[in-house]
Each structure stands twice: as structure tokens, then as C-alpha cells.
C-alpha atoms as a PDB file:
ATOM      1  CA  MET A   1     122.486  73.002 168.385  1.00  0.00           C
ATOM      2  CA  ALA A   2     121.599  69.505 169.183  1.00  0.00           C
ATOM      3  CA  ASP A   3     123.869  67.269 168.834  1.00  0.00           C
ATOM      4  CA  THR A   4     121.045  64.439 167.498  1.00  0.00           C
ATOM      5  CA  LEU A   5     118.213  64.481 165.372  1.00  0.00           C
ATOM      6  CA  THR A   6     114.690  62.799 165.996  1.00  0.00           C
ATOM      7  CA  ILE A   7     113.657  60.824 163.133  1.00  0.00           C
ATOM      8  CA  GLY A   8     111.356  63.559 162.210  1.00  0.00           C
ATOM      9  CA  GLU A   9     113.979  66.181 161.744  1.00  0.00           C
ATOM     10  CA  LEU A  10     116.392  63.771 159.591  1.00  0.00           C
ATOM     11  CA  ALA A  11     113.482  63.178 157.477  1.00  0.00           C
ATOM     12  CA  ALA A  12     112.809  67.153 157.195  1.00  0.00           C
ATOM     13  CA  ARG A  13     116.480  67.874 156.578  1.00  0.00           C
ATOM     14  CA  SER A  14     117.546  64.563 154.387  1.00  0.00           C
ATOM     15  CA  GLY A  15     114.114  64.675 151.970  1.00  0.00           C
ATOM     16  CA  VAL A  16     113.769  61.228 152.937  1.00  0.00           C
ATOM     17  CA  ALA A  17     110.607  59.610 154.333  1.00  0.00           C
ATOM     18  CA  PRO A  18     110.629  58.439 157.978  1.00  0.00           C
ATOM     19  CA  SER A  19     109.777  55.072 156.750  1.00  0.00           C
ATOM     20  CA  ALA A  20     112.717  54.787 154.592  1.00  0.00           C
ATOM     21  CA  LEU A  21     115.040  55.878 157.282  1.00  0.00           C
ATOM     22  CA  ARG A  22     113.736  53.080 159.263  1.00  0.00           C
ATOM     23  CA  TYR A  23     114.401  50.669 156.499  1.00  0.00           C
ATOM     24  CA  TYR A  24     117.919  52.251 156.000  1.00  0.00           C
ATOM     25  CA  GLU A  25     118.446  51.650 159.953  1.00  0.00           C
ATOM     26  CA  ARG A  26     117.350  47.900 159.622  1.00  0.00           C
ATOM     27  CA  LEU A  27     119.815  47.248 156.887  1.00  0.00           C
ATOM     28  CA  GLY A  28     122.480  48.801 158.976  1.00  0.00           C
ATOM     29  CA  LEU A  29     123.016  51.892 156.515  1.00  0.00           C
ATOM     30  CA  ILE A  30     122.330  54.328 159.486  1.00  0.00           C
ATOM     31  CA  HIS A  31     122.303  53.878 163.194  1.00  0.00           C
ATOM     32  CA  ALA A  32     120.616  55.590 166.081  1.00  0.00           C
ATOM     33  CA  THR A  33     120.385  55.445 169.398  1.00  0.00           C
ATOM     34  CA  ARG A  34     117.166  55.204 171.792  1.00  0.00           C
ATOM     35  CA  THR A  35     115.981  57.536 174.280  1.00  0.00           C
ATOM     36  CA  THR A  36     114.549  56.010 177.551  1.00  0.00           C
ATOM     37  CA  GLY A  37     111.241  56.384 175.655  1.00  0.00           C
ATOM     38  CA  ASN A  38     112.341  54.241 172.957  1.00  0.00           C
ATOM     39  CA  GLN A  39     112.361  57.026 170.532  1.00  0.00           C
ATOM     40  CA  ARG A  40     115.119  57.202 167.654  1.00  0.00           C
ATOM     41  CA  ARG A  41     117.821  59.751 168.005  1.00  0.00           C
ATOM     42  CA  TYR A  42     120.432  60.157 165.105  1.00  0.00           C
ATOM     43  CA  ARG A  43     123.821  61.595 165.232  1.00  0.00           C
ATOM     44  CA  ARG A  44     123.917  64.468 163.008  1.00  0.00           C
ATOM     45  CA  THR A  45     126.754  62.744 161.240  1.00  0.00           C
ATOM     46  CA  GLU A  46     124.262  60.488 159.895  1.00  0.00           C
ATOM     47  CA  LEU A  47     122.580  63.038 157.884  1.00  0.00           C
ATOM     48  CA  ARG A  48     125.669  62.960 155.472  1.00  0.00           C
ATOM     49  CA  ARG A  49     125.487  59.278 155.281  1.00  0.00           C
ATOM     50  CA  VAL A  50     121.584  59.443 154.236  1.00  0.00           C
ATOM     51  CA  SER A  51     122.527  62.119 151.906  1.00  0.00           C
ATOM     52  CA  PHE A  52     125.043  59.532 150.177  1.00  0.00           C
ATOM     53  CA  ILE A  53     122.656  56.753 149.943  1.00  0.00           C
ATOM     54  CA  ARG A  54     120.250  59.086 148.323  1.00  0.00           C
ATOM     55  CA  ILE A  55     122.775  60.106 145.935  1.00  0.00           C
ATOM     56  CA  ALA A  56     124.167  56.707 145.186  1.00  0.00           C
ATOM     57  CA  GLN A  57     120.664  55.202 144.808  1.00  0.00           C
ATOM     58  CA  GLN A  58     120.028  57.818 142.008  1.00  0.00           C
ATOM     59  CA  VAL A  59     122.629  56.542 139.978  1.00  0.00           C
ATOM     60  CA  GLY A  60     121.874  52.783 140.219  1.00  0.00           C
ATOM     61  CA  VAL A  61     123.845  51.656 143.065  1.00  0.00           C
ATOM     62  CA  SER A  62     122.217  48.751 145.265  1.00  0.00           C
ATOM     63  CA  LEU A  63     121.610  49.028 148.709  1.00  0.00           C
ATOM     64  CA  GLU A  64     123.776  46.222 149.427  1.00  0.00           C
ATOM     65  CA  GLU A  65     126.518  47.875 147.807  1.00  0.00           C
ATOM     66  CA  ILE A  66     126.210  51.248 149.494  1.00  0.00           C
ATOM     67  CA  ARG A  67     126.008  49.002 152.757  1.00  0.00           C
ATOM     68  CA  ASP A  68     129.519  47.652 152.011  1.00  0.00           C
ATOM     69  CA  ALA A  69     130.734  51.094 151.177  1.00  0.00           C
ATOM     70  CA  LEU A  70     129.347  52.624 154.192  1.00  0.00           C
ATOM     71  CA  ALA A  71     130.948  49.998 156.408  1.00  0.00           C
ATOM     72  CA  SER A  72     134.685  50.895 155.140  1.00  0.00           C
ATOM     73  CA  LEU A  73     134.226  54.238 156.677  1.00  0.00           C
ATOM     74  CA  PRO A  74     135.217  54.875 160.227  1.00  0.00           C
ATOM     75  CA  GLU A  75     133.025  54.317 163.212  1.00  0.00           C
ATOM     76  CA  GLY A  76     132.881  56.621 166.156  1.00  0.00           C
ATOM     77  CA  ARG A  77     134.237  59.572 164.360  1.00  0.00           C
ATOM     78  CA  THR A  78     132.890  61.952 161.708  1.00  0.00           C
ATOM     79  CA  PRO A  79     134.277  60.413 158.045  1.00  0.00           C
ATOM     80  CA  ASN A  80     136.942  63.226 156.729  1.00  0.00           C
ATOM     81  CA  ARG A  81     137.699  64.060 153.282  1.00  0.00           C
ATOM     82  CA  ALA A  82     140.461  61.473 152.708  1.00  0.00           C
ATOM     83  CA  ASP A  83     137.762  58.640 154.096  1.00  0.00           C
ATOM     84  CA  TRP A  84     135.308  59.771 151.328  1.00  0.00           C
ATOM     85  CA  ALA A  85     137.778  59.980 148.899  1.00  0.00           C
ATOM     86  CA  ARG A  86     139.057  56.175 149.719  1.00  0.00           C
ATOM     87  CA  LEU A  87     135.006  55.341 149.121  1.00  0.00           C
ATOM     88  CA  SER A  88     134.885  57.293 146.026  1.00  0.00           C
ATOM     89  CA  GLU A  89     137.755  55.858 144.479  1.00  0.00           C
ATOM     90  CA  ARG A  90     136.577  52.410 144.921  1.00  0.00           C
ATOM     91  CA  TRP A  91     133.495  53.305 142.651  1.00  0.00           C
ATOM     92  CA  ARG A  92     135.294  55.255 140.165  1.00  0.00           C
ATOM     93  CA  ALA A  93     135.757  53.074 137.239  1.00  0.00           C
ATOM     94  CA  ARG A  94     132.198  51.657 137.833  1.00  0.00           C
ATOM     95  CA  LEU A  95     130.687  55.230 137.599  1.00  0.00           C
ATOM     96  CA  ASP A  96     132.829  55.861 134.556  1.00  0.00           C
ATOM     97  CA  ASP A  97     131.471  52.806 132.919  1.00  0.00           C
ATOM     98  CA  ARG A  98     127.782  53.992 133.970  1.00  0.00           C
ATOM     99  CA  ILE A  99     128.584  57.249 132.570  1.00  0.00           C
ATOM    100  CA  ALA A 100     129.371  55.916 129.042  1.00  0.00           C
ATOM    101  CA  LEU A 101     126.738  53.570 128.992  1.00  0.00           C
ATOM    102  CA  LEU A 102     124.212  56.621 129.623  1.00  0.00           C
ATOM    103  CA  GLU A 103     125.763  58.566 126.915  1.00  0.00           C
ATOM    104  CA  LYS A 104     125.844  55.518 124.414  1.00  0.00           C
ATOM    105  CA  LEU A 105     121.995  55.047 125.472  1.00  0.00           C
ATOM    106  CA  ARG A 106     121.209  58.814 124.922  1.00  0.00           C
ATOM    107  CA  ASP A 107     123.281  59.283 121.801  1.00  0.00           C
ATOM    108  CA  GLU A 108     121.970  55.934 120.118  1.00  0.00           C
ATOM    109  CA  LEU A 109     118.427  56.316 121.028  1.00  0.00           C
ATOM    110  CA  THR A 110     118.182  60.019 119.841  1.00  0.00           C
ATOM    111  CA  GLY A 111     118.638  58.688 116.538  1.00  0.00           C
ATOM    112  CA  CYS A 112     116.236  55.960 116.560  1.00  0.00           C
ATOM    113  CA  ILE A 113     112.842  57.414 118.450  1.00  0.00           C
ATOM    114  CA  GLY A 114     110.549  58.758 115.995  1.00  0.00           C
ATOM    115  CA  CYS A 115     113.361  58.829 113.338  1.00  0.00           C
ATOM    116  CA  GLY A 116     111.270  57.191 110.701  1.00  0.00           C
ATOM    117  CA  CYS A 117     114.234  54.945 109.723  1.00  0.00           C
ATOM    118  CA  LEU A 118     113.948  53.175 106.459  1.00  0.00           C
ATOM    119  CA  SER A 119     117.063  51.101 106.944  1.00  0.00           C
ATOM    120  CA  MET A 120     116.415  48.155 109.172  1.00  0.00           C
ATOM    121  CA  GLN A 121     119.847  46.781 108.688  1.00  0.00           C
ATOM    122  CA  THR A 122     121.640  49.351 110.662  1.00  0.00           C
ATOM    123  CA  CYS A 123     118.508  50.112 113.377  1.00  0.00           C
ATOM    124  CA  LYS A 124     119.965  49.641 116.908  1.00  0.00           C
ATOM    125  CA  LEU A 125     116.637  48.446 118.132  1.00  0.00           C
ATOM    126  CA  TYR A 126     115.476  45.886 115.474  1.00  0.00           C
ATOM    127  CA  ASN A 127     116.071  42.466 115.814  1.00  0.00           C
ATOM    128  CA  PRO A 128     114.327  40.189 113.412  1.00  0.00           C
ATOM    129  CA  GLY A 129     114.035  36.434 114.351  1.00  0.00           C
ATOM    130  CA  ASP A 130     115.258  37.515 117.960  1.00  0.00           C
ATOM    131  CA  ARG A 131     118.357  36.430 116.519  1.00  0.00           C
ATOM    132  CA  LEU A 132     120.375  38.159 119.453  1.00  0.00           C
ATOM    133  CA  ALA A 133     119.089  35.755 122.220  1.00  0.00           C
ATOM    134  CA  ALA A 134     121.949  33.529 121.416  1.00  0.00           C
ATOM    135  CA  GLU A 135     124.434  36.014 122.675  1.00  0.00           C
ATOM    136  CA  GLY A 136     122.583  36.341 126.140  1.00  0.00           C
ATOM    137  CA  PRO A 137     119.662  38.214 128.209  1.00  0.00           C
ATOM    138  CA  GLY A 138     119.137  41.762 127.915  1.00  0.00           C
ATOM    139  CA  PRO A 139     119.758  44.534 125.407  1.00  0.00           C
ATOM    140  CA  ARG A 140     122.363  43.070 123.673  1.00  0.00           C
ATOM    141  CA  VAL A 141     123.296  45.867 121.206  1.00  0.00           C
ATOM    142  CA  LEU A 142     123.422  48.520 123.670  1.00  0.00           C
ATOM    143  CA  LEU A 143     125.220  46.708 126.526  1.00  0.00           C
ATOM    144  CA  ALA A 144     127.455  44.047 125.307  1.00  0.00           C
ATOM    145  CA  PRO A 145     130.371  44.433 122.720  1.00  0.00           C
ATOM    146  CA  ARG A 146     129.649  42.883 119.297  1.00  0.00           C
ATOM    147  CA  GLN A 147     132.152  40.462 117.750  1.00  0.00           C
END
């Protein structure tokens, strides 16, 4: 098994398009060396980083935050279990908050979508006269705690 992967091999193994891999490289998320013919070669450890990027993006983590997290991993060696545990601990509270918000969204919208609600006083989506605008931008009822 070769120690390095071409961009095509990394794309095939990771499920990420070559153009996205080049973009990740430009952002400093992954790293490649160059052959004498100027072709990219990725260490096999980059496959794990690309997988991490894909998963983090799926749960809404920005590429900037992903880059900061990956920068905390050691250079020159494959990250071990302790390295990944430290990285995940940094995001634990944030992910727990996101999970709670997703559960709230699921639970509250399930009752609203197509319910034929007759009580506009208790509807989570009804906002007569845009009165919630004074509380700030965005979906105030679902995102912000109410006083």
C-alpha cells in the first residue's frame, strides 16, 4: 500500500470532489506535497482529516472552526485517540446545544406543520405585527429564551 494518495484516489476514498479537496488545501485544512511534475500527493492521514471535515460540516460547523480545530492536532505524526478526544471535548457543549435545538425544532414544528391550529395565541410560528422584531433578528421563539 502506497504511503501517499493522488487527488483522484483521495477523492474516491473520501467521497469529496477533487475541487473541494483543492479548496480545503487552499484554506489550510489539508496538506499535500508535490511531485517533480507538480502533482499533488496526500499522506494517508489526510483521509481521516477529510472525513472529519465532512462530518463537522454536516452538523453545521464552519470551515474556519474546523481549520482551528485541525490546527490543534499534531504535525508530523498521525493524531492518536487522545488528540481526537481533546479536539472533540472543545466542541462537546456546542454540539449538545445544537442537538437540543434540533430536538426542539423537531418537537415544536411537528405540532405546527399542517395542524390546522385554531389557537393563534399558542402557535409557535404566528407573529402578529412582527412584534418579535424588537427582541432581535431571526426565529426568536425557537432560538432565544423568552422572558
